[in-house]
């Protein structure tokens, strides 16, 4: 897909961050938009920002953990726009907790949004992407889908799962010679609301972190503007890249994991202690 003009893109988590930046960039390139987010206020702000750029824009409040809701949205996107060419499975949440201190409900909350939301979005839109004759699936994992982090076991699990699911899907579509491609995105520290909105329970005290300030310390690592991330992602789509890393930190983490596939764990633990 060399051009986004006259295409239709569906974006989850479009109310802020990377989702909003993708919407603005695509609209400026003549791509019509179907936007969704569980946050109606943020979603309305994004719609306001892209309105007037000369493309059709529809929006839908959506919890990506709702399988039936995601499938209904996919049907509505095609009904409203006539087709859909791209699905950006971007919505996500974070949780700070030790494994021992994490409840099953907290783990399910993260997995239902970060992993199952990607699965639902992929399966709901895939038949329509094939029918378009030129489709692309963009699933957002994380550098934490490459390298694990203490107190982020649920997030790590969800993002590692997204990576495995997405890579297998790409191989299947290669074998089918289907008119749909797939890209897995691994952002590093992006200046989005995910850290501010992250849940963090008292169990992190057992590893020496403060549940009230831990997310603020993590926020210091969020250096890449979402607008820059969106540009990198869209270039990766145009190049038909299987995987894309975003940010110098993402490249550094990827190299560290390749060179020290198990030893990196000690380095991360040491680094976490220094961030307290």
C-alpha atoms as a PDB file:
ATOM      1  CA  UNK A   1       0.000   0.000   0.000  1.00  0.00           C
ATOM      2  CA  UNK A   2       2.022   2.934  -1.287  1.00  0.00           C
ATOM      3  CA  UNK A   3      -0.710   5.541  -0.890  1.00  0.00           C
ATOM      4  CA  UNK A   4      -3.411   6.110   1.722  1.00  0.00           C
ATOM      5  CA  UNK A   5      -5.457   8.415  -0.489  1.00  0.00           C
ATOM      6  CA  UNK A   6      -9.030   7.188  -0.995  1.00  0.00           C
ATOM      7  CA  UNK A   7      -8.491   4.368   1.494  1.00  0.00           C
ATOM      8  CA  UNK A   8     -10.527   3.726   4.667  1.00  0.00           C
ATOM      9  CA  UNK A   9      -8.750   3.167   7.984  1.00  0.00           C
ATOM     10  CA  UNK A  10     -10.304   1.911  11.232  1.00  0.00           C
ATOM     11  CA  UNK A  11      -8.432   2.880  14.412  1.00  0.00           C
ATOM     12  CA  UNK A  12      -9.048   1.720  17.978  1.00  0.00           C
ATOM     13  CA  UNK A  13      -7.850   3.862  20.860  1.00  0.00           C
ATOM     14  CA  UNK A  14      -8.256   6.923  18.630  1.00  0.00           C
ATOM     15  CA  UNK A  15      -9.122   9.264  21.498  1.00  0.00           C
ATOM     16  CA  UNK A  16      -5.512  10.128  22.330  1.00  0.00           C
ATOM     17  CA  UNK A  17      -1.844   9.306  21.785  1.00  0.00           C
ATOM     18  CA  UNK A  18      -0.762   7.225  18.816  1.00  0.00           C
ATOM     19  CA  UNK A  19      -4.360   6.599  17.732  1.00  0.00           C
ATOM     20  CA  UNK A  20      -5.102  10.307  17.450  1.00  0.00           C
ATOM     21  CA  UNK A  21      -1.786  10.990  15.708  1.00  0.00           C
ATOM     22  CA  UNK A  22      -2.511   8.236  13.178  1.00  0.00           C
ATOM     23  CA  UNK A  23      -5.947   9.697  12.492  1.00  0.00           C
ATOM     24  CA  UNK A  24      -4.554  13.183  11.835  1.00  0.00           C
ATOM     25  CA  UNK A  25      -1.742  11.934   9.622  1.00  0.00           C
ATOM     26  CA  UNK A  26      -3.991   9.664   7.571  1.00  0.00           C
ATOM     27  CA  UNK A  27      -6.667  12.341   7.131  1.00  0.00           C
ATOM     28  CA  UNK A  28      -4.031  14.737   5.827  1.00  0.00           C
ATOM     29  CA  UNK A  29      -3.149  12.089   3.232  1.00  0.00           C
ATOM     30  CA  UNK A  30      -6.749  11.746   2.038  1.00  0.00           C
ATOM     31  CA  UNK A  31      -7.695   8.619   3.980  1.00  0.00           C
ATOM     32  CA  UNK A  32     -11.233   8.311   5.350  1.00  0.00           C
ATOM     33  CA  UNK A  33     -11.498   7.326   8.998  1.00  0.00           C
ATOM     34  CA  UNK A  34     -13.571   5.090  11.264  1.00  0.00           C
ATOM     35  CA  UNK A  35     -12.511   5.937  14.797  1.00  0.00           C
ATOM     36  CA  UNK A  36     -13.275   4.239  18.106  1.00  0.00           C
ATOM     37  CA  UNK A  37     -12.380   4.611  21.764  1.00  0.00           C
ATOM     38  CA  UNK A  38     -13.932   3.802  25.114  1.00  0.00           C
ATOM     39  CA  UNK A  39     -13.298   7.444  26.113  1.00  0.00           C
ATOM     40  CA  UNK A  40     -16.082   9.408  24.432  1.00  0.00           C
ATOM     41  CA  UNK A  41     -14.628  12.812  25.321  1.00  0.00           C
ATOM     42  CA  UNK A  42     -11.214  12.029  23.859  1.00  0.00           C
ATOM     43  CA  UNK A  43     -12.825  10.466  20.811  1.00  0.00           C
ATOM     44  CA  UNK A  44     -14.940  13.577  20.211  1.00  0.00           C
ATOM     45  CA  UNK A  45     -11.806  15.738  20.438  1.00  0.00           C
ATOM     46  CA  UNK A  46     -10.070  13.624  17.796  1.00  0.00           C
ATOM     47  CA  UNK A  47     -13.108  13.817  15.520  1.00  0.00           C
ATOM     48  CA  UNK A  48     -13.090  17.606  15.926  1.00  0.00           C
ATOM     49  CA  UNK A  49      -9.398  17.770  15.015  1.00  0.00           C
ATOM     50  CA  UNK A  50      -9.759  15.725  11.816  1.00  0.00           C
ATOM     51  CA  UNK A  51     -13.045  17.281  10.715  1.00  0.00           C
ATOM     52  CA  UNK A  52     -12.523  19.783   7.948  1.00  0.00           C
ATOM     53  CA  UNK A  53      -9.604  17.899   6.405  1.00  0.00           C
ATOM     54  CA  UNK A  54     -11.776  16.780   3.506  1.00  0.00           C
ATOM     55  CA  UNK A  55     -12.284  13.122   4.374  1.00  0.00           C
ATOM     56  CA  UNK A  56     -15.238  11.173   5.711  1.00  0.00           C
ATOM     57  CA  UNK A  57     -15.022  10.498   9.451  1.00  0.00           C
ATOM     58  CA  UNK A  58     -17.236   8.241  11.559  1.00  0.00           C
ATOM     59  CA  UNK A  59     -16.825   7.427  15.243  1.00  0.00           C
ATOM     60  CA  UNK A  60     -18.029   4.836  17.712  1.00  0.00           C
ATOM     61  CA  UNK A  61     -17.658   4.421  21.464  1.00  0.00           C
ATOM     62  CA  UNK A  62     -16.140   0.978  21.784  1.00  0.00           C
ATOM     63  CA  UNK A  63     -14.683  -1.311  24.412  1.00  0.00           C
ATOM     64  CA  UNK A  64     -12.337  -3.571  22.434  1.00  0.00           C
ATOM     65  CA  UNK A  65     -12.776  -6.270  25.091  1.00  0.00           C
ATOM     66  CA  UNK A  66     -16.368  -6.665  23.838  1.00  0.00           C
ATOM     67  CA  UNK A  67     -16.170  -9.255  21.038  1.00  0.00           C
ATOM     68  CA  UNK A  68     -19.695  -8.688  19.759  1.00  0.00           C
ATOM     69  CA  UNK A  69     -19.204  -4.937  19.931  1.00  0.00           C
ATOM     70  CA  UNK A  70     -16.017  -5.098  17.848  1.00  0.00           C
ATOM     71  CA  UNK A  71     -17.676  -7.289  15.213  1.00  0.00           C
ATOM     72  CA  UNK A  72     -20.690  -4.975  15.082  1.00  0.00           C
ATOM     73  CA  UNK A  73     -18.362  -1.994  14.647  1.00  0.00           C
ATOM     74  CA  UNK A  74     -16.553  -3.690  11.752  1.00  0.00           C
ATOM     75  CA  UNK A  75     -19.885  -4.311  10.037  1.00  0.00           C
ATOM     76  CA  UNK A  76     -20.892  -0.692  10.596  1.00  0.00           C
ATOM     77  CA  UNK A  77     -17.603   0.650   9.226  1.00  0.00           C
ATOM     78  CA  UNK A  78     -18.152  -1.144   5.936  1.00  0.00           C
ATOM     79  CA  UNK A  79     -21.822  -0.132   5.892  1.00  0.00           C
ATOM     80  CA  UNK A  80     -20.884   3.521   6.440  1.00  0.00           C
ATOM     81  CA  UNK A  81     -17.807   3.696   4.211  1.00  0.00           C
ATOM     82  CA  UNK A  82     -18.419   0.968   1.632  1.00  0.00           C
ATOM     83  CA  UNK A  83     -15.087  -0.729   2.404  1.00  0.00           C
ATOM     84  CA  UNK A  84     -12.193  -0.814   4.841  1.00  0.00           C
ATOM     85  CA  UNK A  85      -8.500  -1.110   3.942  1.00  0.00           C
ATOM     86  CA  UNK A  86      -6.671  -0.774   7.243  1.00  0.00           C
ATOM     87  CA  UNK A  87      -7.313  -1.741  10.857  1.00  0.00           C
ATOM     88  CA  UNK A  88      -5.040  -0.303  13.534  1.00  0.00           C
ATOM     89  CA  UNK A  89      -5.499  -2.404  16.679  1.00  0.00           C
ATOM     90  CA  UNK A  90      -4.008   0.232  18.932  1.00  0.00           C
ATOM     91  CA  UNK A  91      -6.078   0.409  22.153  1.00  0.00           C
ATOM     92  CA  UNK A  92      -4.247  -0.683  25.298  1.00  0.00           C
ATOM     93  CA  UNK A  93      -3.923  -0.414  29.082  1.00  0.00           C
ATOM     94  CA  UNK A  94      -1.194  -1.032  31.658  1.00  0.00           C
ATOM     95  CA  UNK A  95      -0.975  -2.450  35.163  1.00  0.00           C
ATOM     96  CA  UNK A  96       1.813  -2.209  37.718  1.00  0.00           C
ATOM     97  CA  UNK A  97       1.790  -5.232  40.015  1.00  0.00           C
ATOM     98  CA  UNK A  98       3.874  -8.165  41.127  1.00  0.00           C
ATOM     99  CA  UNK A  99       2.688 -11.574  40.001  1.00  0.00           C
ATOM    100  CA  UNK A 100       1.923 -12.555  43.581  1.00  0.00           C
ATOM    101  CA  UNK A 101       0.016  -9.363  44.316  1.00  0.00           C
ATOM    102  CA  UNK A 102      -1.980  -9.318  41.093  1.00  0.00           C
ATOM    103  CA  UNK A 103      -5.584 -10.492  41.183  1.00  0.00           C
ATOM    104  CA  UNK A 104      -6.982 -12.697  38.460  1.00  0.00           C
ATOM    105  CA  UNK A 105      -9.446  -9.922  37.687  1.00  0.00           C
ATOM    106  CA  UNK A 106      -6.613  -7.449  37.096  1.00  0.00           C
ATOM    107  CA  UNK A 107      -4.833  -9.902  34.804  1.00  0.00           C
ATOM    108  CA  UNK A 108      -8.050 -10.551  32.872  1.00  0.00           C
ATOM    109  CA  UNK A 109      -8.632  -6.794  32.488  1.00  0.00           C
ATOM    110  CA  UNK A 110      -5.240  -6.326  30.815  1.00  0.00           C
ATOM    111  CA  UNK A 111      -5.470  -9.433  28.633  1.00  0.00           C
ATOM    112  CA  UNK A 112      -9.042  -8.726  27.525  1.00  0.00           C
ATOM    113  CA  UNK A 113      -8.084  -5.304  26.194  1.00  0.00           C
ATOM    114  CA  UNK A 114      -4.476  -5.697  25.072  1.00  0.00           C
ATOM    115  CA  UNK A 115      -4.644  -9.209  23.620  1.00  0.00           C
ATOM    116  CA  UNK A 116      -8.244 -10.186  23.006  1.00  0.00           C
ATOM    117  CA  UNK A 117      -8.986  -6.692  21.697  1.00  0.00           C
ATOM    118  CA  UNK A 118      -6.346  -7.277  19.024  1.00  0.00           C
ATOM    119  CA  UNK A 119      -7.723 -10.737  18.246  1.00  0.00           C
ATOM    120  CA  UNK A 120     -11.294  -9.435  17.935  1.00  0.00           C
ATOM    121  CA  UNK A 121     -10.219  -6.505  15.769  1.00  0.00           C
ATOM    122  CA  UNK A 122      -8.171  -8.754  13.510  1.00  0.00           C
ATOM    123  CA  UNK A 123     -10.846 -11.400  13.025  1.00  0.00           C
ATOM    124  CA  UNK A 124     -13.713  -8.934  12.680  1.00  0.00           C
ATOM    125  CA  UNK A 125     -11.997  -6.899   9.964  1.00  0.00           C
ATOM    126  CA  UNK A 126     -10.006  -9.577   8.103  1.00  0.00           C
ATOM    127  CA  UNK A 127     -12.799 -10.730   5.744  1.00  0.00           C
ATOM    128  CA  UNK A 128     -13.528  -7.104   4.819  1.00  0.00           C
ATOM    129  CA  UNK A 129      -9.844  -6.357   4.265  1.00  0.00           C
ATOM    130  CA  UNK A 130      -9.608  -9.308   1.886  1.00  0.00           C
ATOM    131  CA  UNK A 131     -12.715  -8.097   0.055  1.00  0.00           C
ATOM    132  CA  UNK A 132     -11.151  -4.648  -0.402  1.00  0.00           C
ATOM    133  CA  UNK A 133      -8.382  -6.157  -2.529  1.00  0.00           C
ATOM    134  CA  UNK A 134      -5.745  -4.125  -0.698  1.00  0.00           C
ATOM    135  CA  UNK A 135      -5.735  -4.473   3.067  1.00  0.00           C
ATOM    136  CA  UNK A 136      -3.360  -4.121   5.978  1.00  0.00           C
ATOM    137  CA  UNK A 137      -3.555  -5.100   9.660  1.00  0.00           C
ATOM    138  CA  UNK A 138      -1.446  -3.122  12.115  1.00  0.00           C
ATOM    139  CA  UNK A 139      -1.252  -4.640  15.602  1.00  0.00           C
ATOM    140  CA  UNK A 140       0.436  -2.635  18.350  1.00  0.00           C
ATOM    141  CA  UNK A 141       2.617  -4.704  20.665  1.00  0.00           C
ATOM    142  CA  UNK A 142       5.427  -3.011  22.634  1.00  0.00           C
ATOM    143  CA  UNK A 143       9.130  -3.268  23.405  1.00  0.00           C
ATOM    144  CA  UNK A 144       7.706  -5.104  26.404  1.00  0.00           C
ATOM    145  CA  UNK A 145       6.628  -7.717  23.871  1.00  0.00           C
ATOM    146  CA  UNK A 146      10.357  -8.288  23.257  1.00  0.00           C
ATOM    147  CA  UNK A 147      11.854  -7.713  26.703  1.00  0.00           C
ATOM    148  CA  UNK A 148      10.173  -8.328  30.074  1.00  0.00           C
ATOM    149  CA  UNK A 149       9.970  -5.831  32.908  1.00  0.00           C
ATOM    150  CA  UNK A 150       9.375  -6.392  36.649  1.00  0.00           C
ATOM    151  CA  UNK A 151       5.890  -5.400  37.874  1.00  0.00           C
ATOM    152  CA  UNK A 152       4.652  -5.589  34.266  1.00  0.00           C
ATOM    153  CA  UNK A 153       3.926  -9.318  33.986  1.00  0.00           C
ATOM    154  CA  UNK A 154       0.346  -8.831  32.759  1.00  0.00           C
ATOM    155  CA  UNK A 155       1.376  -6.182  30.233  1.00  0.00           C
ATOM    156  CA  UNK A 156       4.344  -8.316  29.120  1.00  0.00           C
ATOM    157  CA  UNK A 157       2.116 -11.357  28.707  1.00  0.00           C
ATOM    158  CA  UNK A 158      -0.398  -9.443  26.608  1.00  0.00           C
ATOM    159  CA  UNK A 159       2.223  -7.831  24.374  1.00  0.00           C
ATOM    160  CA  UNK A 160       4.245 -11.024  23.884  1.00  0.00           C
ATOM    161  CA  UNK A 161       0.935 -12.661  22.918  1.00  0.00           C
ATOM    162  CA  UNK A 162       0.169  -9.906  20.403  1.00  0.00           C
ATOM    163  CA  UNK A 163       3.582 -10.414  18.851  1.00  0.00           C
ATOM    164  CA  UNK A 164       3.187 -14.187  18.475  1.00  0.00           C
ATOM    165  CA  UNK A 165      -0.366 -13.906  17.182  1.00  0.00           C
ATOM    166  CA  UNK A 166       0.571 -11.227  14.657  1.00  0.00           C
ATOM    167  CA  UNK A 167       3.666 -12.972  13.332  1.00  0.00           C
ATOM    168  CA  UNK A 168       1.741 -16.226  12.816  1.00  0.00           C
ATOM    169  CA  UNK A 169      -1.039 -14.327  11.036  1.00  0.00           C
ATOM    170  CA  UNK A 170       1.441 -12.702   8.670  1.00  0.00           C
ATOM    171  CA  UNK A 171       2.861 -16.114   7.769  1.00  0.00           C
ATOM    172  CA  UNK A 172      -0.600 -17.542   7.123  1.00  0.00           C
ATOM    173  CA  UNK A 173      -1.520 -14.664   4.808  1.00  0.00           C
ATOM    174  CA  UNK A 174       1.833 -15.096   3.020  1.00  0.00           C
ATOM    175  CA  UNK A 175       0.966 -18.740   2.380  1.00  0.00           C
ATOM    176  CA  UNK A 176      -2.510 -17.807   1.169  1.00  0.00           C
ATOM    177  CA  UNK A 177      -1.108 -15.058  -1.060  1.00  0.00           C
ATOM    178  CA  UNK A 178      -3.977 -12.998   0.316  1.00  0.00           C
ATOM    179  CA  UNK A 179      -4.354  -9.302  -0.605  1.00  0.00           C
ATOM    180  CA  UNK A 180      -3.788  -8.408   3.044  1.00  0.00           C
ATOM    181  CA  UNK A 181      -0.528  -7.757   4.868  1.00  0.00           C
ATOM    182  CA  UNK A 182       0.357  -7.451   8.545  1.00  0.00           C
ATOM    183  CA  UNK A 183       2.706  -5.301  10.602  1.00  0.00           C
ATOM    184  CA  UNK A 184       3.555  -5.712  14.284  1.00  0.00           C
ATOM    185  CA  UNK A 185       4.489  -2.466  16.031  1.00  0.00           C
ATOM    186  CA  UNK A 186       6.863  -2.319  19.008  1.00  0.00           C
ATOM    187  CA  UNK A 187       6.906   1.201  20.451  1.00  0.00           C
ATOM    188  CA  UNK A 188       9.410   2.228  23.092  1.00  0.00           C
ATOM    189  CA  UNK A 189       8.585   5.114  25.404  1.00  0.00           C
ATOM    190  CA  UNK A 190       5.846   7.145  23.704  1.00  0.00           C
ATOM    191  CA  UNK A 191       4.381  10.290  25.279  1.00  0.00           C
ATOM    192  CA  UNK A 192       0.833   8.971  25.634  1.00  0.00           C
ATOM    193  CA  UNK A 193      -1.686   8.657  28.469  1.00  0.00           C
ATOM    194  CA  UNK A 194      -0.995   4.952  29.055  1.00  0.00           C
ATOM    195  CA  UNK A 195       1.414   5.572  31.963  1.00  0.00           C
ATOM    196  CA  UNK A 196      -0.854   8.168  33.575  1.00  0.00           C
ATOM    197  CA  UNK A 197      -3.872   5.895  33.203  1.00  0.00           C
ATOM    198  CA  UNK A 198      -2.039   2.762  34.354  1.00  0.00           C
ATOM    199  CA  UNK A 199      -3.333   0.950  37.404  1.00  0.00           C
ATOM    200  CA  UNK A 200      -0.749   0.228  40.098  1.00  0.00           C
ATOM    201  CA  UNK A 201      -1.441  -1.690  43.291  1.00  0.00           C
ATOM    202  CA  UNK A 202       0.357  -1.831  46.624  1.00  0.00           C
ATOM    203  CA  UNK A 203       2.184  -5.053  45.755  1.00  0.00           C
ATOM    204  CA  UNK A 204       4.895  -3.044  43.989  1.00  0.00           C
ATOM    205  CA  UNK A 205       6.101  -1.982  47.460  1.00  0.00           C
ATOM    206  CA  UNK A 206       7.581  -5.468  47.829  1.00  0.00           C
ATOM    207  CA  UNK A 207      10.109  -4.646  45.095  1.00  0.00           C
ATOM    208  CA  UNK A 208      10.825  -1.209  46.497  1.00  0.00           C
ATOM    209  CA  UNK A 209       8.533   0.933  44.342  1.00  0.00           C
ATOM    210  CA  UNK A 210       5.922   3.426  45.502  1.00  0.00           C
ATOM    211  CA  UNK A 211       2.478   2.728  43.971  1.00  0.00           C
ATOM    212  CA  UNK A 212       1.771   6.471  43.918  1.00  0.00           C
ATOM    213  CA  UNK A 213       5.004   7.547  42.212  1.00  0.00           C
ATOM    214  CA  UNK A 214       6.042   4.478  40.269  1.00  0.00           C
ATOM    215  CA  UNK A 215       4.034   5.490  37.210  1.00  0.00           C
ATOM    216  CA  UNK A 216       5.511   8.988  37.398  1.00  0.00           C
ATOM    217  CA  UNK A 217       9.032   7.564  37.337  1.00  0.00           C
ATOM    218  CA  UNK A 218       8.067   5.421  34.358  1.00  0.00           C
ATOM    219  CA  UNK A 219       6.683   8.535  32.690  1.00  0.00           C
ATOM    220  CA  UNK A 220      10.230   9.924  32.535  1.00  0.00           C
ATOM    221  CA  UNK A 221      11.038   7.265  29.940  1.00  0.00           C
ATOM    222  CA  UNK A 222       8.272   8.403  27.595  1.00  0.00           C
ATOM    223  CA  UNK A 223      10.281  10.474  25.154  1.00  0.00           C
ATOM    224  CA  UNK A 224       8.934   9.932  21.638  1.00  0.00           C
ATOM    225  CA  UNK A 225       6.015  12.166  20.588  1.00  0.00           C
ATOM    226  CA  UNK A 226       3.004  10.199  19.280  1.00  0.00           C
ATOM    227  CA  UNK A 227       3.169  12.213  16.040  1.00  0.00           C
ATOM    228  CA  UNK A 228       6.637  10.792  15.368  1.00  0.00           C
ATOM    229  CA  UNK A 229       5.402   7.295  16.204  1.00  0.00           C
ATOM    230  CA  UNK A 230       2.520   7.640  13.730  1.00  0.00           C
ATOM    231  CA  UNK A 231       4.910   8.666  10.945  1.00  0.00           C
ATOM    232  CA  UNK A 232       7.115   5.644  11.580  1.00  0.00           C
ATOM    233  CA  UNK A 233       4.130   3.283  11.628  1.00  0.00           C
ATOM    234  CA  UNK A 234       2.681   4.596   8.370  1.00  0.00           C
ATOM    235  CA  UNK A 235       6.054   4.398   6.621  1.00  0.00           C
ATOM    236  CA  UNK A 236       6.323   0.797   7.817  1.00  0.00           C
ATOM    237  CA  UNK A 237       2.921   0.054   6.273  1.00  0.00           C
ATOM    238  CA  UNK A 238       4.014   1.571   2.978  1.00  0.00           C
ATOM    239  CA  UNK A 239       7.210  -0.519   3.067  1.00  0.00           C
ATOM    240  CA  UNK A 240       5.200  -3.608   4.040  1.00  0.00           C
ATOM    241  CA  UNK A 241       7.434  -4.169   7.076  1.00  0.00           C
ATOM    242  CA  UNK A 242       6.718  -7.197   9.216  1.00  0.00           C
ATOM    243  CA  UNK A 243       8.007  -5.524  12.374  1.00  0.00           C
ATOM    244  CA  UNK A 244       8.681  -1.914  13.289  1.00  0.00           C
ATOM    245  CA  UNK A 245      10.521  -0.545  16.314  1.00  0.00           C
ATOM    246  CA  UNK A 246       9.768   3.003  17.438  1.00  0.00           C
ATOM    247  CA  UNK A 247      12.302   5.125  19.310  1.00  0.00           C
ATOM    248  CA  UNK A 248      16.005   4.778  20.001  1.00  0.00           C
ATOM    249  CA  UNK A 249      15.104   3.097  23.285  1.00  0.00           C
ATOM    250  CA  UNK A 250      13.224   0.386  21.399  1.00  0.00           C
ATOM    251  CA  UNK A 251      16.261  -0.324  19.215  1.00  0.00           C
ATOM    252  CA  UNK A 252      18.539  -0.408  22.264  1.00  0.00           C
ATOM    253  CA  UNK A 253      16.233  -2.827  24.084  1.00  0.00           C
ATOM    254  CA  UNK A 254      15.971  -5.045  21.013  1.00  0.00           C
ATOM    255  CA  UNK A 255      19.771  -5.222  20.691  1.00  0.00           C
ATOM    256  CA  UNK A 256      20.150  -5.914  24.413  1.00  0.00           C
ATOM    257  CA  UNK A 257      17.683  -8.812  24.236  1.00  0.00           C
ATOM    258  CA  UNK A 258      19.395 -10.285  21.167  1.00  0.00           C
ATOM    259  CA  UNK A 259      22.865 -10.071  22.714  1.00  0.00           C
ATOM    260  CA  UNK A 260      21.789 -11.129  26.216  1.00  0.00           C
ATOM    261  CA  UNK A 261      18.658 -13.263  25.789  1.00  0.00           C
ATOM    262  CA  UNK A 262      18.621 -14.194  29.483  1.00  0.00           C
ATOM    263  CA  UNK A 263      21.271 -11.909  30.955  1.00  0.00           C
ATOM    264  CA  UNK A 264      19.222  -8.819  30.125  1.00  0.00           C
ATOM    265  CA  UNK A 265      16.945  -9.673  33.046  1.00  0.00           C
ATOM    266  CA  UNK A 266      19.662  -8.795  35.565  1.00  0.00           C
ATOM    267  CA  UNK A 267      20.394  -5.530  33.766  1.00  0.00           C
ATOM    268  CA  UNK A 268      16.706  -4.563  33.828  1.00  0.00           C
ATOM    269  CA  UNK A 269      16.464  -5.375  37.549  1.00  0.00           C
ATOM    270  CA  UNK A 270      19.517  -3.215  38.250  1.00  0.00           C
ATOM    271  CA  UNK A 271      18.098  -0.379  36.179  1.00  0.00           C
ATOM    272  CA  UNK A 272      14.771  -0.582  37.993  1.00  0.00           C
ATOM    273  CA  UNK A 273      16.510  -0.247  41.351  1.00  0.00           C
ATOM    274  CA  UNK A 274      18.257   2.909  40.140  1.00  0.00           C
ATOM    275  CA  UNK A 275      14.916   4.420  39.069  1.00  0.00           C
ATOM    276  CA  UNK A 276      13.365   4.193  42.542  1.00  0.00           C
END
